[in-house]
N, C-alpha and C. Protein backbone atom coordinates (compact mmCIF):
# COMPACT_ATOMS: atom_id res chain seq x y z
N UNK A 1 6.64 3.51 23.37
CA UNK A 1 7.14 3.33 22.02
C UNK A 1 6.09 3.91 21.06
N UNK A 2 6.52 4.75 20.14
CA UNK A 2 5.61 5.39 19.20
C UNK A 2 5.26 4.44 18.06
N UNK A 3 4.19 4.76 17.34
CA UNK A 3 3.81 3.98 16.16
C UNK A 3 4.95 3.99 15.14
N UNK A 4 5.60 5.15 15.02
CA UNK A 4 6.69 5.27 14.05
C UNK A 4 7.85 4.35 14.45
N UNK A 5 8.13 4.28 15.76
CA UNK A 5 9.18 3.41 16.27
C UNK A 5 8.84 1.95 15.94
N UNK A 6 7.57 1.57 16.15
CA UNK A 6 7.14 0.20 15.86
C UNK A 6 7.28 -0.13 14.38
N UNK A 7 6.89 0.82 13.53
CA UNK A 7 6.95 0.57 12.08
C UNK A 7 8.39 0.46 11.59
N UNK A 8 9.27 1.31 12.13
CA UNK A 8 10.66 1.31 11.69
C UNK A 8 11.45 0.15 12.29
N UNK A 9 11.12 -0.20 13.53
CA UNK A 9 11.90 -1.22 14.23
C UNK A 9 13.07 -0.63 14.99
N UNK A 10 13.20 0.68 14.97
CA UNK A 10 14.24 1.40 15.70
C UNK A 10 13.72 2.80 16.01
N UNK A 11 14.44 3.51 16.89
CA UNK A 11 14.00 4.86 17.25
C UNK A 11 14.02 5.77 16.03
N UNK A 12 12.97 6.57 15.86
CA UNK A 12 12.95 7.50 14.73
C UNK A 12 14.11 8.49 14.81
N UNK A 13 14.72 8.83 13.68
CA UNK A 13 15.87 9.75 13.68
C UNK A 13 15.45 11.19 13.97
N UNK A 14 16.41 12.05 14.32
CA UNK A 14 16.08 13.46 14.49
C UNK A 14 15.49 14.03 13.20
N UNK A 15 14.49 14.87 13.35
CA UNK A 15 13.84 15.46 12.19
C UNK A 15 12.61 14.68 11.75
N UNK A 16 12.41 13.49 12.31
CA UNK A 16 11.22 12.71 11.94
C UNK A 16 9.99 13.33 12.59
N UNK A 17 8.83 12.91 12.14
CA UNK A 17 7.58 13.43 12.69
C UNK A 17 7.49 13.14 14.19
N UNK A 18 7.87 11.95 14.60
CA UNK A 18 7.79 11.58 16.01
C UNK A 18 8.71 12.44 16.87
N UNK A 19 9.93 12.69 16.40
CA UNK A 19 10.86 13.50 17.19
C UNK A 19 10.41 14.96 17.24
N UNK A 20 9.84 15.47 16.14
CA UNK A 20 9.32 16.84 16.14
C UNK A 20 8.12 16.96 17.08
N UNK A 21 7.25 15.96 17.07
CA UNK A 21 6.08 15.98 17.95
C UNK A 21 6.51 15.92 19.41
N UNK A 22 7.52 15.12 19.70
CA UNK A 22 8.01 15.02 21.07
C UNK A 22 8.62 16.33 21.53
N UNK A 23 9.36 17.00 20.66
CA UNK A 23 9.97 18.29 21.00
C UNK A 23 8.89 19.34 21.27
N UNK A 24 7.85 19.36 20.44
CA UNK A 24 6.75 20.32 20.64
C UNK A 24 5.97 20.00 21.91
N UNK A 25 5.77 18.72 22.19
CA UNK A 25 5.05 18.33 23.40
C UNK A 25 5.82 18.73 24.65
N UNK A 26 7.14 18.70 24.59
CA UNK A 26 7.96 19.11 25.73
C UNK A 26 7.79 20.60 26.01
N UNK A 27 7.55 21.39 24.97
CA UNK A 27 7.34 22.83 25.14
C UNK A 27 5.98 23.14 25.74
N UNK A 28 5.03 22.23 25.56
CA UNK A 28 3.66 22.44 26.05
C UNK A 28 3.23 21.22 26.87
N UNK A 29 3.72 21.08 28.10
CA UNK A 29 3.43 19.87 28.87
C UNK A 29 1.94 19.68 29.19
N UNK A 30 1.17 20.77 29.21
CA UNK A 30 -0.26 20.65 29.52
C UNK A 30 -1.07 20.21 28.30
N UNK A 31 -0.49 20.31 27.13
CA UNK A 31 -1.19 19.93 25.91
C UNK A 31 -2.04 21.07 25.38
N UNK A 32 -2.78 20.79 24.35
CA UNK A 32 -3.64 21.80 23.73
C UNK A 32 -5.07 21.66 24.22
N UNK A 33 -5.99 22.40 23.60
CA UNK A 33 -7.38 22.35 24.04
C UNK A 33 -8.03 20.97 23.80
N UNK A 34 -7.67 20.30 22.72
CA UNK A 34 -8.24 18.97 22.45
C UNK A 34 -7.12 18.05 21.97
N UNK A 35 -7.10 16.81 22.46
CA UNK A 35 -6.05 15.89 22.00
C UNK A 35 -6.26 15.54 20.52
N UNK A 36 -5.17 15.30 19.80
CA UNK A 36 -5.31 14.94 18.39
C UNK A 36 -5.95 13.56 18.22
N UNK A 37 -6.52 13.34 17.05
CA UNK A 37 -7.17 12.07 16.73
C UNK A 37 -6.12 10.96 16.65
N UNK A 38 -6.24 9.91 17.46
CA UNK A 38 -5.22 8.84 17.45
C UNK A 38 -5.10 8.13 16.10
N UNK A 39 -6.19 8.01 15.37
CA UNK A 39 -6.13 7.34 14.06
C UNK A 39 -5.31 8.16 13.09
N UNK A 40 -5.52 9.49 13.11
CA UNK A 40 -4.74 10.37 12.23
C UNK A 40 -3.27 10.37 12.62
N UNK A 41 -3.00 10.34 13.93
CA UNK A 41 -1.61 10.29 14.40
C UNK A 41 -0.92 9.02 13.91
N UNK A 42 -1.62 7.89 14.02
CA UNK A 42 -1.03 6.62 13.60
C UNK A 42 -0.77 6.63 12.10
N UNK A 43 -1.74 7.13 11.33
CA UNK A 43 -1.59 7.20 9.88
C UNK A 43 -0.39 8.07 9.50
N UNK A 44 -0.26 9.23 10.16
CA UNK A 44 0.86 10.13 9.87
C UNK A 44 2.19 9.49 10.26
N UNK A 45 2.21 8.80 11.40
CA UNK A 45 3.44 8.15 11.85
C UNK A 45 3.87 7.05 10.89
N UNK A 46 2.91 6.26 10.42
CA UNK A 46 3.24 5.17 9.50
C UNK A 46 3.72 5.70 8.15
N UNK A 47 3.10 6.77 7.67
CA UNK A 47 3.55 7.32 6.38
C UNK A 47 4.92 7.97 6.53
N UNK A 48 5.20 8.60 7.69
CA UNK A 48 6.52 9.19 7.91
C UNK A 48 7.58 8.09 8.02
N UNK A 49 7.22 6.97 8.66
CA UNK A 49 8.16 5.85 8.76
C UNK A 49 8.48 5.30 7.37
N UNK A 50 7.46 5.19 6.52
CA UNK A 50 7.69 4.71 5.15
C UNK A 50 8.59 5.68 4.39
N UNK A 51 8.38 6.99 4.61
CA UNK A 51 9.21 8.00 3.93
C UNK A 51 10.67 7.90 4.39
N UNK A 52 10.87 7.73 5.69
CA UNK A 52 12.23 7.62 6.25
C UNK A 52 12.94 6.41 5.66
N UNK A 53 12.25 5.28 5.64
CA UNK A 53 12.86 4.06 5.12
C UNK A 53 13.16 4.17 3.63
N UNK A 54 12.26 4.80 2.87
CA UNK A 54 12.52 4.92 1.43
C UNK A 54 13.68 5.88 1.17
N UNK A 55 13.83 6.93 2.01
CA UNK A 55 14.97 7.84 1.87
C UNK A 55 16.28 7.13 2.15
N UNK A 56 16.24 6.18 3.05
CA UNK A 56 17.44 5.41 3.40
C UNK A 56 17.69 4.27 2.42
N UNK A 57 16.76 4.08 1.50
CA UNK A 57 16.93 3.01 0.52
C UNK A 57 16.46 1.66 1.01
N UNK A 58 15.71 1.66 2.10
CA UNK A 58 15.19 0.42 2.66
C UNK A 58 13.68 0.56 2.85
N UNK A 59 12.88 0.35 1.79
CA UNK A 59 11.44 0.52 1.96
C UNK A 59 10.89 -0.46 2.99
N UNK A 60 9.87 -0.03 3.71
CA UNK A 60 9.23 -0.89 4.69
C UNK A 60 8.60 -2.06 3.95
N UNK A 61 8.79 -3.28 4.42
CA UNK A 61 8.22 -4.43 3.73
C UNK A 61 6.71 -4.31 3.59
N UNK A 62 6.17 -4.83 2.49
CA UNK A 62 4.75 -4.71 2.22
C UNK A 62 3.92 -5.35 3.32
N UNK A 63 4.46 -6.38 3.95
CA UNK A 63 3.70 -7.07 4.98
C UNK A 63 3.53 -6.24 6.24
N UNK A 64 4.28 -5.17 6.41
CA UNK A 64 4.19 -4.37 7.62
C UNK A 64 3.11 -3.30 7.52
N UNK A 65 3.27 -2.35 6.62
CA UNK A 65 2.34 -1.23 6.52
C UNK A 65 2.11 -0.91 5.04
N UNK A 66 0.85 -0.83 4.66
CA UNK A 66 0.50 -0.46 3.29
C UNK A 66 -0.61 0.58 3.35
N UNK A 67 -0.36 1.75 2.77
CA UNK A 67 -1.34 2.83 2.72
C UNK A 67 -1.94 3.14 4.09
N UNK A 68 -1.12 3.13 5.11
CA UNK A 68 -1.59 3.45 6.45
C UNK A 68 -2.28 2.30 7.14
N UNK A 69 -2.31 1.13 6.53
CA UNK A 69 -2.96 -0.04 7.13
C UNK A 69 -1.89 -1.01 7.57
N UNK A 70 -1.89 -1.30 8.87
CA UNK A 70 -0.91 -2.23 9.43
C UNK A 70 -1.45 -3.65 9.24
N UNK A 71 -0.87 -4.38 8.30
CA UNK A 71 -1.36 -5.72 8.00
C UNK A 71 -1.11 -6.69 9.15
N UNK A 72 -0.19 -6.35 10.04
CA UNK A 72 0.10 -7.23 11.17
C UNK A 72 -1.01 -7.17 12.22
N UNK A 73 -1.89 -6.16 12.13
CA UNK A 73 -2.93 -6.04 13.15
C UNK A 73 -4.34 -6.00 12.57
N UNK A 74 -4.50 -6.26 11.28
CA UNK A 74 -5.83 -6.18 10.66
C UNK A 74 -6.65 -7.42 11.02
N UNK A 75 -7.94 -7.21 11.29
CA UNK A 75 -8.82 -8.33 11.63
C UNK A 75 -9.46 -8.89 10.37
N UNK A 76 -10.10 -10.06 10.50
CA UNK A 76 -10.76 -10.67 9.34
C UNK A 76 -11.89 -9.79 8.83
N UNK A 77 -12.64 -9.17 9.75
CA UNK A 77 -13.75 -8.31 9.34
C UNK A 77 -13.24 -7.11 8.55
N UNK A 78 -12.14 -6.53 8.99
CA UNK A 78 -11.56 -5.38 8.28
C UNK A 78 -11.02 -5.82 6.91
N UNK A 79 -10.43 -6.99 6.85
CA UNK A 79 -9.91 -7.51 5.58
C UNK A 79 -11.05 -7.79 4.60
N UNK A 80 -12.18 -8.31 5.13
CA UNK A 80 -13.36 -8.53 4.27
C UNK A 80 -13.90 -7.21 3.74
N UNK A 81 -13.93 -6.19 4.59
CA UNK A 81 -14.40 -4.86 4.16
C UNK A 81 -13.48 -4.31 3.07
N UNK A 82 -12.18 -4.46 3.26
CA UNK A 82 -11.21 -4.00 2.27
C UNK A 82 -11.40 -4.75 0.94
N UNK A 83 -11.59 -6.06 1.01
CA UNK A 83 -11.82 -6.87 -0.19
C UNK A 83 -13.10 -6.41 -0.89
N UNK A 84 -14.14 -6.17 -0.13
CA UNK A 84 -15.42 -5.73 -0.69
C UNK A 84 -15.28 -4.39 -1.41
N UNK A 85 -14.62 -3.44 -0.77
CA UNK A 85 -14.45 -2.10 -1.36
C UNK A 85 -13.58 -2.16 -2.62
N UNK A 86 -12.53 -2.97 -2.58
CA UNK A 86 -11.66 -3.07 -3.75
C UNK A 86 -12.38 -3.79 -4.89
N UNK A 87 -13.20 -4.79 -4.54
CA UNK A 87 -14.00 -5.50 -5.54
C UNK A 87 -14.97 -4.53 -6.22
N UNK A 88 -15.62 -3.67 -5.42
CA UNK A 88 -16.54 -2.67 -5.98
C UNK A 88 -15.80 -1.72 -6.92
N UNK A 89 -14.63 -1.28 -6.50
CA UNK A 89 -13.87 -0.31 -7.30
C UNK A 89 -13.37 -0.91 -8.61
N UNK A 90 -12.94 -2.17 -8.56
CA UNK A 90 -12.40 -2.82 -9.76
C UNK A 90 -13.49 -3.36 -10.69
N UNK A 91 -14.56 -3.84 -10.08
CA UNK A 91 -15.60 -4.50 -10.86
C UNK A 91 -15.36 -5.99 -10.98
N UNK A 92 -14.30 -6.48 -10.39
CA UNK A 92 -13.99 -7.91 -10.36
C UNK A 92 -13.16 -8.18 -9.10
N UNK A 93 -13.03 -9.45 -8.75
CA UNK A 93 -12.31 -9.82 -7.53
C UNK A 93 -10.84 -9.40 -7.65
N UNK A 94 -10.31 -8.74 -6.62
CA UNK A 94 -8.90 -8.31 -6.67
C UNK A 94 -7.96 -9.50 -6.85
N UNK A 95 -6.94 -9.34 -7.67
CA UNK A 95 -6.01 -10.44 -7.96
C UNK A 95 -5.03 -10.68 -6.81
N UNK A 96 -4.33 -11.81 -6.83
CA UNK A 96 -3.27 -12.04 -5.84
C UNK A 96 -2.24 -10.92 -5.94
N UNK A 97 -1.73 -10.50 -4.79
CA UNK A 97 -0.76 -9.41 -4.77
C UNK A 97 -1.41 -8.06 -4.53
N UNK A 98 -2.74 -8.01 -4.57
CA UNK A 98 -3.44 -6.76 -4.28
C UNK A 98 -3.44 -6.54 -2.77
N UNK A 99 -3.74 -5.31 -2.38
CA UNK A 99 -3.79 -4.99 -0.95
C UNK A 99 -4.84 -5.84 -0.25
N UNK A 100 -6.00 -6.02 -0.88
CA UNK A 100 -7.07 -6.80 -0.27
C UNK A 100 -6.66 -8.26 -0.08
N UNK A 101 -6.01 -8.83 -1.07
CA UNK A 101 -5.57 -10.23 -0.97
C UNK A 101 -4.50 -10.38 0.12
N UNK A 102 -3.57 -9.43 0.17
CA UNK A 102 -2.54 -9.46 1.21
C UNK A 102 -3.15 -9.29 2.60
N UNK A 103 -4.15 -8.43 2.70
CA UNK A 103 -4.81 -8.19 3.99
C UNK A 103 -5.54 -9.45 4.45
N UNK A 104 -6.20 -10.14 3.53
CA UNK A 104 -6.90 -11.36 3.92
C UNK A 104 -5.92 -12.46 4.34
N UNK A 105 -4.80 -12.54 3.66
CA UNK A 105 -3.78 -13.53 4.04
C UNK A 105 -3.22 -13.21 5.42
N UNK A 106 -2.98 -11.93 5.69
CA UNK A 106 -2.45 -11.53 6.99
C UNK A 106 -3.49 -11.75 8.09
N UNK A 107 -4.75 -11.44 7.80
CA UNK A 107 -5.82 -11.59 8.79
C UNK A 107 -6.06 -13.06 9.14
N UNK A 108 -5.81 -13.95 8.20
CA UNK A 108 -5.99 -15.37 8.47
C UNK A 108 -5.03 -15.85 9.56
N UNK A 109 -3.91 -15.16 9.70
CA UNK A 109 -2.92 -15.54 10.71
C UNK A 109 -3.35 -15.09 12.11
N UNK A 110 -4.19 -14.06 12.19
CA UNK A 110 -4.67 -13.54 13.47
C UNK A 110 -6.09 -13.01 13.27
N UNK A 111 -7.10 -13.90 13.27
CA UNK A 111 -8.47 -13.54 12.91
C UNK A 111 -9.08 -12.38 13.70
N UNK A 112 -8.73 -12.25 14.96
CA UNK A 112 -9.31 -11.20 15.78
C UNK A 112 -8.62 -9.86 15.60
N UNK A 113 -7.44 -9.86 15.01
CA UNK A 113 -6.67 -8.62 14.90
C UNK A 113 -6.17 -8.22 16.27
N UNK A 114 -5.63 -7.04 16.37
CA UNK A 114 -5.19 -6.53 17.67
C UNK A 114 -6.32 -5.69 18.22
N UNK A 115 -6.70 -5.96 19.44
CA UNK A 115 -7.86 -5.30 20.03
C UNK A 115 -7.69 -3.79 20.14
N UNK A 116 -6.47 -3.33 20.40
CA UNK A 116 -6.26 -1.89 20.59
C UNK A 116 -6.23 -1.12 19.28
N UNK A 117 -6.15 -1.81 18.15
CA UNK A 117 -6.08 -1.07 16.89
C UNK A 117 -7.22 -1.48 15.97
N UNK A 118 -8.16 -0.60 15.82
CA UNK A 118 -9.25 -0.78 14.87
C UNK A 118 -9.04 0.22 13.75
N UNK A 119 -9.17 -0.23 12.52
CA UNK A 119 -8.94 0.62 11.36
C UNK A 119 -10.25 1.26 10.94
N UNK A 120 -10.23 2.56 10.77
CA UNK A 120 -11.41 3.32 10.35
C UNK A 120 -11.86 2.84 8.97
N UNK A 121 -13.17 2.70 8.78
CA UNK A 121 -13.69 2.22 7.50
C UNK A 121 -13.37 3.19 6.36
N UNK A 122 -13.27 4.46 6.66
CA UNK A 122 -12.93 5.45 5.63
C UNK A 122 -11.51 5.20 5.11
N UNK A 123 -10.59 4.87 6.02
CA UNK A 123 -9.21 4.57 5.62
C UNK A 123 -9.18 3.30 4.77
N UNK A 124 -9.96 2.30 5.15
CA UNK A 124 -10.03 1.06 4.37
C UNK A 124 -10.56 1.34 2.96
N UNK A 125 -11.61 2.16 2.88
CA UNK A 125 -12.20 2.48 1.58
C UNK A 125 -11.22 3.23 0.69
N UNK A 126 -10.54 4.24 1.27
CA UNK A 126 -9.57 5.02 0.49
C UNK A 126 -8.42 4.15 0.00
N UNK A 127 -7.93 3.26 0.87
CA UNK A 127 -6.83 2.37 0.49
C UNK A 127 -7.28 1.41 -0.62
N UNK A 128 -8.51 0.92 -0.52
CA UNK A 128 -9.03 0.00 -1.54
C UNK A 128 -9.14 0.70 -2.89
N UNK A 129 -9.63 1.93 -2.88
CA UNK A 129 -9.77 2.68 -4.14
C UNK A 129 -8.41 2.97 -4.74
N UNK A 130 -7.45 3.35 -3.89
CA UNK A 130 -6.09 3.64 -4.37
C UNK A 130 -5.45 2.39 -4.98
N UNK A 131 -5.62 1.24 -4.31
CA UNK A 131 -5.02 0.00 -4.82
C UNK A 131 -5.73 -0.45 -6.09
N UNK A 132 -7.05 -0.25 -6.16
CA UNK A 132 -7.79 -0.60 -7.37
C UNK A 132 -7.31 0.23 -8.55
N UNK A 133 -7.04 1.51 -8.32
CA UNK A 133 -6.52 2.37 -9.39
C UNK A 133 -5.16 1.88 -9.85
N UNK A 134 -4.32 1.45 -8.89
CA UNK A 134 -2.99 0.93 -9.24
C UNK A 134 -3.12 -0.33 -10.09
N UNK A 135 -3.99 -1.23 -9.67
CA UNK A 135 -4.18 -2.49 -10.40
C UNK A 135 -4.72 -2.22 -11.81
N UNK A 136 -5.68 -1.32 -11.91
CA UNK A 136 -6.26 -0.98 -13.22
C UNK A 136 -5.22 -0.39 -14.15
N UNK A 137 -4.39 0.51 -13.62
CA UNK A 137 -3.38 1.14 -14.48
C UNK A 137 -2.33 0.13 -14.92
N UNK A 138 -1.94 -0.79 -14.02
CA UNK A 138 -0.99 -1.84 -14.40
C UNK A 138 -1.59 -2.75 -15.46
N UNK A 139 -2.84 -3.06 -15.29
CA UNK A 139 -3.51 -3.94 -16.25
C UNK A 139 -3.64 -3.26 -17.62
N UNK A 140 -3.99 -1.96 -17.61
CA UNK A 140 -4.10 -1.21 -18.86
C UNK A 140 -2.76 -1.12 -19.57
N UNK A 141 -1.70 -0.86 -18.80
CA UNK A 141 -0.39 -0.71 -19.44
C UNK A 141 0.07 -2.03 -20.06
N UNK A 142 -0.28 -3.13 -19.45
CA UNK A 142 0.07 -4.43 -20.02
C UNK A 142 -0.75 -4.73 -21.27
N UNK A 143 -2.02 -4.31 -21.28
CA UNK A 143 -2.87 -4.63 -22.43
C UNK A 143 -2.57 -3.72 -23.62
N UNK A 144 -2.03 -2.52 -23.40
CA UNK A 144 -1.71 -1.61 -24.49
C UNK A 144 -0.38 -1.93 -25.16
N UNK A 145 0.41 -2.75 -24.53
CA UNK A 145 1.71 -3.07 -25.12
C UNK A 145 1.51 -4.03 -26.29
N UNK A 146 2.35 -3.92 -27.30
CA UNK A 146 2.20 -4.81 -28.46
C UNK A 146 2.49 -6.25 -28.06
N UNK A 147 1.89 -7.19 -28.77
CA UNK A 147 2.12 -8.59 -28.43
C UNK A 147 3.57 -8.99 -28.68
N UNK A 148 4.01 -9.96 -27.92
CA UNK A 148 5.37 -10.49 -28.09
C UNK A 148 5.46 -11.20 -29.44
N UNK A 149 6.53 -10.94 -30.18
CA UNK A 149 6.73 -11.56 -31.48
C UNK A 149 7.94 -12.48 -31.39
N UNK A 150 7.70 -13.75 -31.68
CA UNK A 150 8.78 -14.73 -31.67
C UNK A 150 9.18 -15.01 -33.12
N UNK A 151 10.26 -14.41 -33.55
CA UNK A 151 10.70 -14.50 -34.95
C UNK A 151 11.09 -15.93 -35.31
N UNK A 152 11.57 -16.69 -34.34
CA UNK A 152 12.00 -18.06 -34.63
C UNK A 152 10.83 -18.96 -35.03
N UNK A 153 9.63 -18.64 -34.55
CA UNK A 153 8.47 -19.48 -34.83
C UNK A 153 7.57 -18.90 -35.92
N UNK A 154 8.07 -17.94 -36.68
CA UNK A 154 7.29 -17.33 -37.76
C UNK A 154 7.63 -17.99 -39.09
N UNK A 155 6.62 -18.00 -39.94
CA UNK A 155 6.89 -18.51 -41.30
C UNK A 155 7.66 -17.44 -42.07
N UNK A 156 8.23 -17.84 -43.18
CA UNK A 156 9.01 -16.90 -43.99
C UNK A 156 8.13 -15.77 -44.51
N UNK A 157 6.90 -16.10 -44.85
CA UNK A 157 5.95 -15.08 -45.34
C UNK A 157 5.63 -14.05 -44.25
N UNK A 158 5.42 -14.53 -43.02
CA UNK A 158 5.14 -13.63 -41.90
C UNK A 158 6.34 -12.74 -41.60
N UNK A 159 7.54 -13.29 -41.72
CA UNK A 159 8.75 -12.49 -41.49
C UNK A 159 8.87 -11.37 -42.52
N UNK A 160 8.57 -11.68 -43.78
CA UNK A 160 8.64 -10.65 -44.83
C UNK A 160 7.60 -9.55 -44.59
N UNK A 161 6.40 -9.96 -44.17
CA UNK A 161 5.35 -8.99 -43.89
C UNK A 161 5.75 -8.08 -42.72
N UNK A 162 6.31 -8.66 -41.68
CA UNK A 162 6.78 -7.88 -40.53
C UNK A 162 7.88 -6.92 -40.94
N UNK A 163 8.81 -7.38 -41.75
CA UNK A 163 9.91 -6.53 -42.21
C UNK A 163 9.36 -5.37 -43.05
N UNK A 164 8.36 -5.65 -43.86
CA UNK A 164 7.74 -4.62 -44.68
C UNK A 164 7.06 -3.56 -43.79
N UNK A 165 6.36 -4.01 -42.77
CA UNK A 165 5.70 -3.08 -41.84
C UNK A 165 6.73 -2.23 -41.09
N UNK A 166 7.82 -2.83 -40.69
CA UNK A 166 8.86 -2.09 -39.96
C UNK A 166 9.51 -1.02 -40.83
N UNK A 167 9.72 -1.32 -42.11
CA UNK A 167 10.35 -0.32 -42.99
C UNK A 167 9.40 0.84 -43.27
N UNK A 168 8.09 0.59 -43.23
CA UNK A 168 7.11 1.67 -43.43
C UNK A 168 7.11 2.64 -42.25
N UNK A 169 7.47 2.16 -41.10
CA UNK A 169 7.49 3.03 -39.91
C UNK A 169 8.68 3.93 -40.01
């Protein structure tokens, strides 16, 4: 069973990365001069699975795969590294709903992770930086928006001032 098959929960469709790789491998049964890097293969398979699911209108659940990181197999040590990198990138502890927080919650369910799958620290760092950028941009967009105005709780003087400002625009 391929990584893509595991991520999707069903056999990858024709035209997917896994099916193309299988077709090419059948043409060259002896393989090439050097086998491909398994970490890169897994990352490519997971991103292709996410692409397939999003094309079908069924995005892969966040708890399964995020930025090439399988949360179902992450260990506590890897989750701590991810939290540390995201904390460095943000300058503050990542909020609930961040990749690091989700990874720590998932790792608490299986502290040792899966022995056959170790996540490269470079992948963890890149994912942390990407998620930190997402969090920062969301936070900036919320802070740049004008404050909510509740007209029902305004005094008559404040309402007149607001109306005056609106007509000037």
